[in-house]
Amino acid sequence: MGGGDKGIQETPQQRAAVEHAVNLMADYKQRWLPVQENLAKHIVASGEAGSRERTAATGRASTDNAMQFAKAGGAVEKSLANSGAARAARSSIWASPGSARTRRSRAAWAP
C-alpha cells in the first residue's frame, strides 16, 4: 500500500474536543479540587478521637439511649402494674443491690 501515509490525521472536531477536555480539567483543578481537598481534611479531622464533632455525637447517642431505656422502664412498670406485681418489682428493679430500699424489700419477702 502507500508508503507515504504517516498515520490518521485528527479532524478539527477531534482537536476541539481535546481542547475542551483540557480546559475542563484546568477548571476542575483550579476551582473544584481545592474544595474537595478541604472537605476531605474536614471529614478526617471530625473523625479523630476527642474532636468536637465526635464529642457531640457521643453526647447525642448517650441521650438517645437514656431516653429509650426510660421508655422501656416505663413500659415494664405499666405491664407489671397491670398484672399486680408492680410494688414488688418496682422496689427490686429500680433500686441498686446495696440500697436501703432493696434491703427493706428483701426483708419483706424473707420467710
PDB file of N, CA and C in Angstrom:
ATOM      1  N   MET A   1       0.827  -1.144   0.000  1.00  0.00           N
ATOM      2  CA  MET A   1       0.000   0.000   0.000  1.00  0.00           C
ATOM      3  C   MET A   1       0.880   1.217   0.000  1.00  0.00           C
ATOM      4  N   GLY A   2       0.348   2.373   0.275  1.00  0.00           N
ATOM      5  CA  GLY A   2       1.124   3.606   0.164  1.00  0.00           C
ATOM      6  C   GLY A   2       2.122   3.745   1.278  1.00  0.00           C
ATOM      7  N   GLY A   3       3.335   4.098   0.968  1.00  0.00           N
ATOM      8  CA  GLY A   3       4.363   4.252   1.970  1.00  0.00           C
ATOM      9  C   GLY A   3       4.440   5.647   2.536  1.00  0.00           C
ATOM     10  N   GLY A   4       3.741   6.616   1.963  1.00  0.00           N
ATOM     11  CA  GLY A   4       3.831   7.989   2.410  1.00  0.00           C
ATOM     12  C   GLY A   4       2.836   8.347   3.508  1.00  0.00           C
ATOM     13  N   ASP A   5       1.924   7.467   3.888  1.00  0.00           N
ATOM     14  CA  ASP A   5       0.905   7.761   4.905  1.00  0.00           C
ATOM     15  C   ASP A   5       1.545   7.646   6.292  1.00  0.00           C
ATOM     16  N   LYS A   6       1.555   8.709   7.072  1.00  0.00           N
ATOM     17  CA  LYS A   6       2.207   8.734   8.390  1.00  0.00           C
ATOM     18  C   LYS A   6       1.209   8.487   9.520  1.00  0.00           C
ATOM     19  N   GLY A   7       0.012   8.067   9.273  1.00  0.00           N
ATOM     20  CA  GLY A   7      -0.991   7.818  10.299  1.00  0.00           C
ATOM     21  C   GLY A   7      -2.268   8.578  10.000  1.00  0.00           C
ATOM     22  N   ILE A   8      -3.221   8.392  10.861  1.00  0.00           N
ATOM     23  CA  ILE A   8      -4.511   9.064  10.685  1.00  0.00           C
ATOM     24  C   ILE A   8      -4.408  10.458  11.263  1.00  0.00           C
ATOM     25  N   GLN A   9      -4.849  11.426  10.509  1.00  0.00           N
ATOM     26  CA  GLN A   9      -4.818  12.824  10.948  1.00  0.00           C
ATOM     27  C   GLN A   9      -6.062  13.141  11.786  1.00  0.00           C
ATOM     28  N   GLU A  10      -5.896  14.046  12.784  1.00  0.00           N
ATOM     29  CA  GLU A  10      -7.029  14.488  13.599  1.00  0.00           C
ATOM     30  C   GLU A  10      -7.932  15.389  12.773  1.00  0.00           C
ATOM     31  N   THR A  11      -9.191  15.284  13.059  1.00  0.00           N
ATOM     32  CA  THR A  11     -10.143  16.191  12.422  1.00  0.00           C
ATOM     33  C   THR A  11     -10.243  17.441  13.277  1.00  0.00           C
ATOM     34  N   PRO A  12     -10.754  18.532  12.728  1.00  0.00           N
ATOM     35  CA  PRO A  12     -10.942  19.739  13.544  1.00  0.00           C
ATOM     36  C   PRO A  12     -11.854  19.495  14.739  1.00  0.00           C
ATOM     37  N   GLN A  13     -12.842  18.621  14.603  1.00  0.00           N
ATOM     38  CA  GLN A  13     -13.751  18.325  15.717  1.00  0.00           C
ATOM     39  C   GLN A  13     -13.012  17.588  16.844  1.00  0.00           C
ATOM     40  N   GLN A  14     -12.113  16.692  16.474  1.00  0.00           N
ATOM     41  CA  GLN A  14     -11.341  15.972  17.491  1.00  0.00           C
ATOM     42  C   GLN A  14     -10.412  16.914  18.241  1.00  0.00           C
ATOM     43  N   ARG A  15      -9.769  17.823  17.506  1.00  0.00           N
ATOM     44  CA  ARG A  15      -8.888  18.800  18.168  1.00  0.00           C
ATOM     45  C   ARG A  15      -9.698  19.692  19.108  1.00  0.00           C
ATOM     46  N   ALA A  16     -10.897  20.091  18.695  1.00  0.00           N
ATOM     47  CA  ALA A  16     -11.759  20.926  19.542  1.00  0.00           C
ATOM     48  C   ALA A  16     -12.190  20.152  20.795  1.00  0.00           C
ATOM     49  N   ALA A  17     -12.493  18.861  20.641  1.00  0.00           N
ATOM     50  CA  ALA A  17     -12.888  18.045  21.789  1.00  0.00           C
ATOM     51  C   ALA A  17     -11.734  17.909  22.782  1.00  0.00           C
ATOM     52  N   VAL A  18     -10.521  17.725  22.291  1.00  0.00           N
ATOM     53  CA  VAL A  18      -9.347  17.626  23.167  1.00  0.00           C
ATOM     54  C   VAL A  18      -9.120  18.948  23.893  1.00  0.00           C
ATOM     55  N   GLU A  19      -9.216  20.046  23.175  1.00  0.00           N
ATOM     56  CA  GLU A  19      -9.028  21.359  23.789  1.00  0.00           C
ATOM     57  C   GLU A  19     -10.075  21.612  24.867  1.00  0.00           C
ATOM     58  N   HIS A  20     -11.313  21.228  24.573  1.00  0.00           N
ATOM     59  CA  HIS A  20     -12.390  21.387  25.558  1.00  0.00           C
ATOM     60  C   HIS A  20     -12.115  20.546  26.804  1.00  0.00           C
ATOM     61  N   ALA A  21     -11.659  19.307  26.642  1.00  0.00           N
ATOM     62  CA  ALA A  21     -11.350  18.432  27.772  1.00  0.00           C
ATOM     63  C   ALA A  21     -10.211  18.997  28.615  1.00  0.00           C
ATOM     64  N   VAL A  22      -9.195  19.565  27.948  1.00  0.00           N
ATOM     65  CA  VAL A  22      -8.066  20.174  28.667  1.00  0.00           C
ATOM     66  C   VAL A  22      -8.555  21.373  29.475  1.00  0.00           C
ATOM     67  N   ASN A  23      -9.440  22.178  28.878  1.00  0.00           N
ATOM     68  CA  ASN A  23      -9.992  23.339  29.589  1.00  0.00           C
ATOM     69  C   ASN A  23     -10.837  22.911  30.788  1.00  0.00           C
ATOM     70  N   LEU A  24     -11.623  21.863  30.620  1.00  0.00           N
ATOM     71  CA  LEU A  24     -12.427  21.362  31.742  1.00  0.00           C
ATOM     72  C   LEU A  24     -11.535  20.875  32.890  1.00  0.00           C
ATOM     73  N   MET A  25     -10.471  20.175  32.562  1.00  0.00           N
ATOM     74  CA  MET A  25      -9.569  19.668  33.600  1.00  0.00           C
ATOM     75  C   MET A  25      -8.878  20.826  34.320  1.00  0.00           C
ATOM     76  N   ALA A  26      -8.476  21.844  33.593  1.00  0.00           N
ATOM     77  CA  ALA A  26      -7.834  23.012  34.216  1.00  0.00           C
ATOM     78  C   ALA A  26      -8.820  23.725  35.139  1.00  0.00           C
ATOM     79  N   ASP A  27     -10.072  23.846  34.709  1.00  0.00           N
ATOM     80  CA  ASP A  27     -11.100  24.473  35.536  1.00  0.00           C
ATOM     81  C   ASP A  27     -11.334  23.657  36.805  1.00  0.00           C
ATOM     82  N   TYR A  28     -11.403  22.342  36.671  1.00  0.00           N
ATOM     83  CA  TYR A  28     -11.581  21.455  37.825  1.00  0.00           C
ATOM     84  C   TYR A  28     -10.450  21.628  38.823  1.00  0.00           C
ATOM     85  N   LYS A  29      -9.211  21.623  38.318  1.00  0.00           N
ATOM     86  CA  LYS A  29      -8.051  21.749  39.210  1.00  0.00           C
ATOM     87  C   LYS A  29      -8.023  23.093  39.915  1.00  0.00           C
ATOM     88  N   GLN A  30      -8.502  24.126  39.230  1.00  0.00           N
ATOM     89  CA  GLN A  30      -8.448  25.465  39.815  1.00  0.00           C
ATOM     90  C   GLN A  30      -9.587  25.709  40.803  1.00  0.00           C
ATOM     91  N   ARG A  31     -10.807  25.269  40.473  1.00  0.00           N
ATOM     92  CA  ARG A  31     -11.953  25.618  41.308  1.00  0.00           C
ATOM     93  C   ARG A  31     -12.442  24.501  42.220  1.00  0.00           C
ATOM     94  N   TRP A  32     -12.543  23.283  41.721  1.00  0.00           N
ATOM     95  CA  TRP A  32     -13.197  22.235  42.478  1.00  0.00           C
ATOM     96  C   TRP A  32     -12.254  21.364  43.289  1.00  0.00           C
ATOM     97  N   LEU A  33     -11.068  21.145  42.845  1.00  0.00           N
ATOM     98  CA  LEU A  33     -10.125  20.309  43.583  1.00  0.00           C
ATOM     99  C   LEU A  33      -9.814  20.888  44.967  1.00  0.00           C
ATOM    100  N   PRO A  34      -9.564  22.197  45.103  1.00  0.00           N
ATOM    101  CA  PRO A  34      -9.335  22.732  46.454  1.00  0.00           C
ATOM    102  C   PRO A  34     -10.539  22.551  47.379  1.00  0.00           C
ATOM    103  N   VAL A  35     -11.739  22.660  46.842  1.00  0.00           N
ATOM    104  CA  VAL A  35     -12.942  22.470  47.660  1.00  0.00           C
ATOM    105  C   VAL A  35     -13.017  21.020  48.147  1.00  0.00           C
ATOM    106  N   GLN A  36     -12.754  20.084  47.258  1.00  0.00           N
ATOM    107  CA  GLN A  36     -12.796  18.676  47.644  1.00  0.00           C
ATOM    108  C   GLN A  36     -11.693  18.328  48.646  1.00  0.00           C
ATOM    109  N   GLU A  37     -10.508  18.896  48.465  1.00  0.00           N
ATOM    110  CA  GLU A  37      -9.421  18.636  49.415  1.00  0.00           C
ATOM    111  C   GLU A  37      -9.757  19.192  50.791  1.00  0.00           C
ATOM    112  N   ASN A  38     -10.360  20.380  50.832  1.00  0.00           N
ATOM    113  CA  ASN A  38     -10.759  20.981  52.103  1.00  0.00           C
ATOM    114  C   ASN A  38     -11.830  20.125  52.785  1.00  0.00           C
ATOM    115  N   LEU A  39     -12.793  19.646  52.023  1.00  0.00           N
ATOM    116  CA  LEU A  39     -13.830  18.784  52.580  1.00  0.00           C
ATOM    117  C   LEU A  39     -13.227  17.498  53.133  1.00  0.00           C
ATOM    118  N   ALA A  40     -12.304  16.904  52.408  1.00  0.00           N
ATOM    119  CA  ALA A  40     -11.657  15.666  52.874  1.00  0.00           C
ATOM    120  C   ALA A  40     -10.903  15.900  54.183  1.00  0.00           C
ATOM    121  N   LYS A  41     -10.195  17.024  54.290  1.00  0.00           N
ATOM    122  CA  LYS A  41      -9.470  17.339  55.539  1.00  0.00           C
ATOM    123  C   LYS A  41     -10.453  17.492  56.697  1.00  0.00           C
ATOM    124  N   HIS A  42     -11.589  18.162  56.446  1.00  0.00           N
ATOM    125  CA  HIS A  42     -12.592  18.375  57.491  1.00  0.00           C
ATOM    126  C   HIS A  42     -13.185  17.036  57.948  1.00  0.00           C
ATOM    127  N   ILE A  43     -13.467  16.149  57.011  1.00  0.00           N
ATOM    128  CA  ILE A  43     -14.042  14.849  57.360  1.00  0.00           C
ATOM    129  C   ILE A  43     -13.060  14.036  58.193  1.00  0.00           C
ATOM    130  N   VAL A  44     -11.799  14.029  57.800  1.00  0.00           N
ATOM    131  CA  VAL A  44     -10.789  13.276  58.552  1.00  0.00           C
ATOM    132  C   VAL A  44     -10.637  13.871  59.954  1.00  0.00           C
ATOM    133  N   ALA A  45     -10.590  15.198  60.057  1.00  0.00           N
ATOM    134  CA  ALA A  45     -10.426  15.850  61.366  1.00  0.00           C
ATOM    135  C   ALA A  45     -11.629  15.599  62.269  1.00  0.00           C
ATOM    136  N   SER A  46     -12.821  15.556  61.705  1.00  0.00           N
ATOM    137  CA  SER A  46     -14.010  15.360  62.538  1.00  0.00           C
ATOM    138  C   SER A  46     -14.108  13.940  63.069  1.00  0.00           C
ATOM    139  N   GLY A  47     -13.403  12.998  62.459  1.00  0.00           N
ATOM    140  CA  GLY A  47     -13.438  11.619  62.926  1.00  0.00           C
ATOM    141  C   GLY A  47     -12.383  11.281  63.945  1.00  0.00           C
ATOM    142  N   GLU A  48     -11.472  12.196  64.222  1.00  0.00           N
ATOM    143  CA  GLU A  48     -10.395  11.914  65.174  1.00  0.00           C
ATOM    144  C   GLU A  48     -10.930  11.886  66.596  1.00  0.00           C
ATOM    145  N   ALA A  49     -10.291  11.093  67.430  1.00  0.00           N
ATOM    146  CA  ALA A  49     -10.685  10.981  68.832  1.00  0.00           C
ATOM    147  C   ALA A  49     -10.551  12.341  69.511  1.00  0.00           C
ATOM    148  N   GLY A  50     -11.556  12.712  70.277  1.00  0.00           N
ATOM    149  CA  GLY A  50     -11.535  13.974  71.004  1.00  0.00           C
ATOM    150  C   GLY A  50     -11.970  15.177  70.184  1.00  0.00           C
ATOM    151  N   SER A  51     -12.338  14.980  68.932  1.00  0.00           N
ATOM    152  CA  SER A  51     -12.767  16.121  68.116  1.00  0.00           C
ATOM    153  C   SER A  51     -14.136  16.618  68.585  1.00  0.00           C
ATOM    154  N   ARG A  52     -14.438  17.852  68.256  1.00  0.00           N
ATOM    155  CA  ARG A  52     -15.701  18.463  68.655  1.00  0.00           C
ATOM    156  C   ARG A  52     -16.881  17.667  68.099  1.00  0.00           C
ATOM    157  N   GLU A  53     -16.795  17.248  66.848  1.00  0.00           N
ATOM    158  CA  GLU A  53     -17.886  16.509  66.231  1.00  0.00           C
ATOM    159  C   GLU A  53     -18.100  15.147  66.889  1.00  0.00           C
ATOM    160  N   ARG A  54     -16.989  14.459  67.197  1.00  0.00           N
ATOM    161  CA  ARG A  54     -17.105  13.140  67.836  1.00  0.00           C
ATOM    162  C   ARG A  54     -17.688  13.286  69.235  1.00  0.00           C
ATOM    163  N   THR A  55     -17.285  14.320  69.970  1.00  0.00           N
ATOM    164  CA  THR A  55     -17.815  14.550  71.317  1.00  0.00           C
ATOM    165  C   THR A  55     -19.308  14.843  71.261  1.00  0.00           C
ATOM    166  N   ALA A  56     -19.714  15.667  70.302  1.00  0.00           N
ATOM    167  CA  ALA A  56     -21.140  15.987  70.162  1.00  0.00           C
ATOM    168  C   ALA A  56     -21.944  14.748  69.793  1.00  0.00           C
ATOM    169  N   ALA A  57     -21.421  13.928  68.916  1.00  0.00           N
ATOM    170  CA  ALA A  57     -22.128  12.707  68.512  1.00  0.00           C
ATOM    171  C   ALA A  57     -22.258  11.744  69.684  1.00  0.00           C
ATOM    172  N   THR A  58     -21.226  11.647  70.515  1.00  0.00           N
ATOM    173  CA  THR A  58     -21.280  10.778  71.687  1.00  0.00           C
ATOM    174  C   THR A  58     -22.356  11.254  72.653  1.00  0.00           C
ATOM    175  N   GLY A  59     -22.428  12.564  72.845  1.00  0.00           N
ATOM    176  CA  GLY A  59     -23.464  13.117  73.727  1.00  0.00           C
ATOM    177  C   GLY A  59     -24.865  12.842  73.213  1.00  0.00           C
ATOM    178  N   ARG A  60     -25.059  13.016  71.906  1.00  0.00           N
ATOM    179  CA  ARG A  60     -26.384  12.744  71.333  1.00  0.00           C
ATOM    180  C   ARG A  60     -26.738  11.268  71.460  1.00  0.00           C
ATOM    181  N   ALA A  61     -25.779  10.398  71.239  1.00  0.00           N
ATOM    182  CA  ALA A  61     -26.039   8.958  71.317  1.00  0.00           C
ATOM    183  C   ALA A  61     -26.401   8.540  72.735  1.00  0.00           C
ATOM    184  N   SER A  62     -25.689   9.063  73.727  1.00  0.00           N
ATOM    185  CA  SER A  62     -25.997   8.666  75.107  1.00  0.00           C
ATOM    186  C   SER A  62     -27.348   9.213  75.547  1.00  0.00           C
ATOM    187  N   THR A  63     -27.706  10.408  75.083  1.00  0.00           N
ATOM    188  CA  THR A  63     -29.026  10.960  75.403  1.00  0.00           C
ATOM    189  C   THR A  63     -30.121  10.113  74.779  1.00  0.00           C
ATOM    190  N   ASP A  64     -29.935   9.718  73.522  1.00  0.00           N
ATOM    191  CA  ASP A  64     -30.920   8.873  72.851  1.00  0.00           C
ATOM    192  C   ASP A  64     -31.087   7.543  73.576  1.00  0.00           C
ATOM    193  N   ASN A  65     -29.974   6.943  74.002  1.00  0.00           N
ATOM    194  CA  ASN A  65     -30.060   5.669  74.721  1.00  0.00           C
ATOM    195  C   ASN A  65     -30.773   5.832  76.042  1.00  0.00           C
ATOM    196  N   ALA A  66     -30.478   6.909  76.768  1.00  0.00           N
ATOM    197  CA  ALA A  66     -31.131   7.134  78.059  1.00  0.00           C
ATOM    198  C   ALA A  66     -32.636   7.288  77.879  1.00  0.00           C
ATOM    199  N   MET A  67     -33.041   7.995  76.813  1.00  0.00           N
ATOM    200  CA  MET A  67     -34.468   8.175  76.559  1.00  0.00           C
ATOM    201  C   MET A  67     -35.136   6.844  76.222  1.00  0.00           C
ATOM    202  N   GLN A  68     -34.465   6.026  75.421  1.00  0.00           N
ATOM    203  CA  GLN A  68     -35.037   4.736  75.047  1.00  0.00           C
ATOM    204  C   GLN A  68     -35.162   3.812  76.256  1.00  0.00           C
ATOM    205  N   PHE A  69     -34.159   3.803  77.132  1.00  0.00           N
ATOM    206  CA  PHE A  69     -34.233   2.958  78.310  1.00  0.00           C
ATOM    207  C   PHE A  69     -35.285   3.464  79.289  1.00  0.00           C
ATOM    208  N   ALA A  70     -35.456   4.783  79.378  1.00  0.00           N
ATOM    209  CA  ALA A  70     -36.504   5.323  80.242  1.00  0.00           C
ATOM    210  C   ALA A  70     -37.876   4.888  79.733  1.00  0.00           C
ATOM    211  N   LYS A  71     -38.059   4.931  78.417  1.00  0.00           N
ATOM    212  CA  LYS A  71     -39.323   4.467  77.824  1.00  0.00           C
ATOM    213  C   LYS A  71     -39.550   2.996  78.134  1.00  0.00           C
ATOM    214  N   ALA A  72     -38.504   2.201  77.964  1.00  0.00           N
ATOM    215  CA  ALA A  72     -38.628   0.768  78.210  1.00  0.00           C
ATOM    216  C   ALA A  72     -38.949   0.506  79.679  1.00  0.00           C
ATOM    217  N   GLY A  73     -38.313   1.252  80.579  1.00  0.00           N
ATOM    218  CA  GLY A  73     -38.598   1.088  82.006  1.00  0.00           C
ATOM    219  C   GLY A  73     -40.041   1.435  82.324  1.00  0.00           C
ATOM    220  N   GLY A  74     -40.553   2.493  81.693  1.00  0.00           N
ATOM    221  CA  GLY A  74     -41.957   2.863  81.895  1.00  0.00           C
ATOM    222  C   GLY A  74     -42.895   1.788  81.383  1.00  0.00           C
ATOM    223  N   ALA A  75     -42.559   1.190  80.255  1.00  0.00           N
ATOM    224  CA  ALA A  75     -43.402   0.130  79.694  1.00  0.00           C
ATOM    225  C   ALA A  75     -43.399  -1.100  80.602  1.00  0.00           C
ATOM    226  N   VAL A  76     -42.241  -1.427  81.161  1.00  0.00           N
ATOM    227  CA  VAL A  76     -42.168  -2.569  82.085  1.00  0.00           C
ATOM    228  C   VAL A  76     -43.010  -2.288  83.318  1.00  0.00           C
ATOM    229  N   GLU A  77     -42.913  -1.075  83.849  1.00  0.00           N
ATOM    230  CA  GLU A  77     -43.700  -0.729  85.028  1.00  0.00           C
ATOM    231  C   GLU A  77     -45.191  -0.818  84.756  1.00  0.00           C
ATOM    232  N   LYS A  78     -45.622  -0.322  83.607  1.00  0.00           N
ATOM    233  CA  LYS A  78     -47.053  -0.399  83.260  1.00  0.00           C
ATOM    234  C   LYS A  78     -47.502  -1.848  83.142  1.00  0.00           C
ATOM    235  N   SER A  79     -46.685  -2.656  82.520  1.00  0.00           N
ATOM    236  CA  SER A  79     -47.027  -4.069  82.361  1.00  0.00           C
ATOM    237  C   SER A  79     -47.133  -4.752  83.723  1.00  0.00           C
ATOM    238  N   LEU A  80     -46.190  -4.444  84.591  1.00  0.00           N
ATOM    239  CA  LEU A  80     -46.218  -5.047  85.921  1.00  0.00           C
ATOM    240  C   LEU A  80     -47.396  -4.535  86.739  1.00  0.00           C
ATOM    241  N   ALA A  81     -47.714  -3.253  86.582  1.00  0.00           N
ATOM    242  CA  ALA A  81     -48.851  -2.689  87.305  1.00  0.00           C
ATOM    243  C   ALA A  81     -50.139  -3.350  86.852  1.00  0.00           C
ATOM    244  N   ASN A  82     -50.244  -3.612  85.585  1.00  0.00           N
ATOM    245  CA  ASN A  82     -51.446  -4.263  85.058  1.00  0.00           C
ATOM    246  C   ASN A  82     -51.567  -5.692  85.557  1.00  0.00           C
ATOM    247  N   SER A  83     -50.439  -6.331  85.849  1.00  0.00           N
ATOM    248  CA  SER A  83     -50.503  -7.713  86.334  1.00  0.00           C
ATOM    249  C   SER A  83     -50.534  -7.781  87.857  1.00  0.00           C
ATOM    250  N   GLY A  84     -50.410  -6.639  88.553  1.00  0.00           N
ATOM    251  CA  GLY A  84     -50.476  -6.622  90.012  1.00  0.00           C
ATOM    252  C   GLY A  84     -49.142  -6.844  90.688  1.00  0.00           C
ATOM    253  N   ALA A  85     -48.071  -6.908  89.949  1.00  0.00           N
ATOM    254  CA  ALA A  85     -46.766  -7.183  90.538  1.00  0.00           C
ATOM    255  C   ALA A  85     -45.904  -5.930  90.620  1.00  0.00           C
ATOM    256  N   ALA A  86     -46.480  -4.778  90.480  1.00  0.00           N
ATOM    257  CA  ALA A  86     -45.707  -3.545  90.373  1.00  0.00           C
ATOM    258  C   ALA A  86     -44.960  -3.198  91.647  1.00  0.00           C
ATOM    259  N   ARG A  87     -45.603  -3.323  92.794  1.00  0.00           N
ATOM    260  CA  ARG A  87     -44.965  -2.872  94.031  1.00  0.00           C
ATOM    261  C   ARG A  87     -43.681  -3.653  94.312  1.00  0.00           C
ATOM    262  N   ALA A  88     -43.733  -4.948  94.224  1.00  0.00           N
ATOM    263  CA  ALA A  88     -42.550  -5.766  94.499  1.00  0.00           C
ATOM    264  C   ALA A  88     -41.501  -5.581  93.414  1.00  0.00           C
ATOM    265  N   ALA A  89     -41.934  -5.514  92.189  1.00  0.00           N
ATOM    266  CA  ALA A  89     -40.982  -5.388  91.086  1.00  0.00           C
ATOM    267  C   ALA A  89     -40.314  -4.027  91.085  1.00  0.00           C
ATOM    268  N   ARG A  90     -41.075  -2.969  91.395  1.00  0.00           N
ATOM    269  CA  ARG A  90     -40.512  -1.623  91.371  1.00  0.00           C
ATOM    270  C   ARG A  90     -39.383  -1.504  92.376  1.00  0.00           C
ATOM    271  N   SER A  91     -39.564  -2.083  93.543  1.00  0.00           N
ATOM    272  CA  SER A  91     -38.520  -1.960  94.548  1.00  0.00           C
ATOM    273  C   SER A  91     -37.275  -2.749  94.176  1.00  0.00           C
ATOM    274  N   SER A  92     -37.419  -3.870  93.488  1.00  0.00           N
ATOM    275  CA  SER A  92     -36.233  -4.654  93.157  1.00  0.00           C
ATOM    276  C   SER A  92     -35.617  -4.248  91.825  1.00  0.00           C
ATOM    277  N   ILE A  93     -36.399  -3.752  90.875  1.00  0.00           N
ATOM    278  CA  ILE A  93     -35.847  -3.380  89.573  1.00  0.00           C
ATOM    279  C   ILE A  93     -35.078  -2.067  89.648  1.00  0.00           C
ATOM    280  N   TRP A  94     -35.660  -1.060  90.281  1.00  0.00           N
ATOM    281  CA  TRP A  94     -35.073   0.279  90.207  1.00  0.00           C
ATOM    282  C   TRP A  94     -34.104   0.581  91.332  1.00  0.00           C
ATOM    283  N   ALA A  95     -34.061  -0.229  92.380  1.00  0.00           N
ATOM    284  CA  ALA A  95     -33.133   0.023  93.472  1.00  0.00           C
ATOM    285  C   ALA A  95     -31.810  -0.690  93.197  1.00  0.00           C
ATOM    286  N   SER A  96     -30.724  -0.069  93.637  1.00  0.00           N
ATOM    287  CA  SER A  96     -29.426  -0.721  93.462  1.00  0.00           C
ATOM    288  C   SER A  96     -29.306  -1.846  94.491  1.00  0.00           C
ATOM    289  N   PRO A  97     -28.470  -2.841  94.240  1.00  0.00           N
ATOM    290  CA  PRO A  97     -28.403  -4.029  95.106  1.00  0.00           C
ATOM    291  C   PRO A  97     -28.092  -3.736  96.565  1.00  0.00           C
ATOM    292  N   GLY A  98     -27.321  -2.703  96.860  1.00  0.00           N
ATOM    293  CA  GLY A  98     -26.946  -2.445  98.248  1.00  0.00           C
ATOM    294  C   GLY A  98     -27.755  -1.348  98.910  1.00  0.00           C
ATOM    295  N   SER A  99     -28.793  -0.826  98.274  1.00  0.00           N
ATOM    296  CA  SER A  99     -29.524   0.308  98.843  1.00  0.00           C
ATOM    297  C   SER A  99     -30.458  -0.148  99.958  1.00  0.00           C
ATOM    298  N   ALA A 100     -30.832   0.808 100.801  1.00  0.00           N
ATOM    299  CA  ALA A 100     -31.740   0.507 101.913  1.00  0.00           C
ATOM    300  C   ALA A 100     -33.087   0.048 101.376  1.00  0.00           C
ATOM    301  N   ARG A 101     -33.508   0.614 100.279  1.00  0.00           N
ATOM    302  CA  ARG A 101     -34.795   0.241  99.678  1.00  0.00           C
ATOM    303  C   ARG A 101     -34.782  -1.238  99.276  1.00  0.00           C
ATOM    304  N   THR A 102     -33.685  -1.709  98.717  1.00  0.00           N
ATOM    305  CA  THR A 102     -33.581  -3.114  98.323  1.00  0.00           C
ATOM    306  C   THR A 102     -33.555  -4.008  99.551  1.00  0.00           C
ATOM    307  N   ARG A 103     -32.833  -3.593 100.604  1.00  0.00           N
ATOM    308  CA  ARG A 103     -32.780  -4.408 101.823  1.00  0.00           C
ATOM    309  C   ARG A 103     -34.167  -4.515 102.462  1.00  0.00           C
ATOM    310  N   ARG A 104     -34.940  -3.399 102.451  1.00  0.00           N
ATOM    311  CA  ARG A 104     -36.296  -3.431 103.021  1.00  0.00           C
ATOM    312  C   ARG A 104     -37.184  -4.380 102.223  1.00  0.00           C
ATOM    313  N   SER A 105     -37.088  -4.300 100.880  1.00  0.00           N
ATOM    314  CA  SER A 105     -37.956  -5.155 100.075  1.00  0.00           C
ATOM    315  C   SER A 105     -37.563  -6.619 100.233  1.00  0.00           C
ATOM    316  N   ARG A 106     -36.275  -6.892 100.399  1.00  0.00           N
ATOM    317  CA  ARG A 106     -35.841  -8.280 100.616  1.00  0.00           C
ATOM    318  C   ARG A 106     -36.326  -8.776 101.970  1.00  0.00           C
ATOM    319  N   ALA A 107     -36.291  -7.905 102.984  1.00  0.00           N
ATOM    320  CA  ALA A 107     -36.735  -8.286 104.321  1.00  0.00           C
ATOM    321  C   ALA A 107     -38.237  -8.579 104.320  1.00  0.00           C
ATOM    322  N   ALA A 108     -38.998  -7.796 103.519  1.00  0.00           N
ATOM    323  CA  ALA A 108     -40.437  -8.008 103.476  1.00  0.00           C
ATOM    324  C   ALA A 108     -40.785  -9.347 102.847  1.00  0.00           C
ATOM    325  N   TRP A 109     -39.950  -9.835 101.962  1.00  0.00           N
ATOM    326  CA  TRP A 109     -40.217 -11.077 101.263  1.00  0.00           C
ATOM    327  C   TRP A 109     -39.515 -12.281 101.915  1.00  0.00           C
ATOM    328  N   ALA A 110     -38.701 -12.018 102.918  1.00  0.00           N
ATOM    329  CA  ALA A 110     -37.958 -13.125 103.538  1.00  0.00           C
ATOM    330  C   ALA A 110     -38.923 -14.033 104.321  1.00  0.00           C
ATOM    331  N   PRO A 111     -38.702 -15.331 104.318  1.00  0.00           N
ATOM    332  CA  PRO A 111     -39.595 -16.255 105.062  1.00  0.00           C
ATOM    333  C   PRO A 111     -39.383 -16.183 106.546  1.00  0.00           C
TER     334      PRO A 111
END
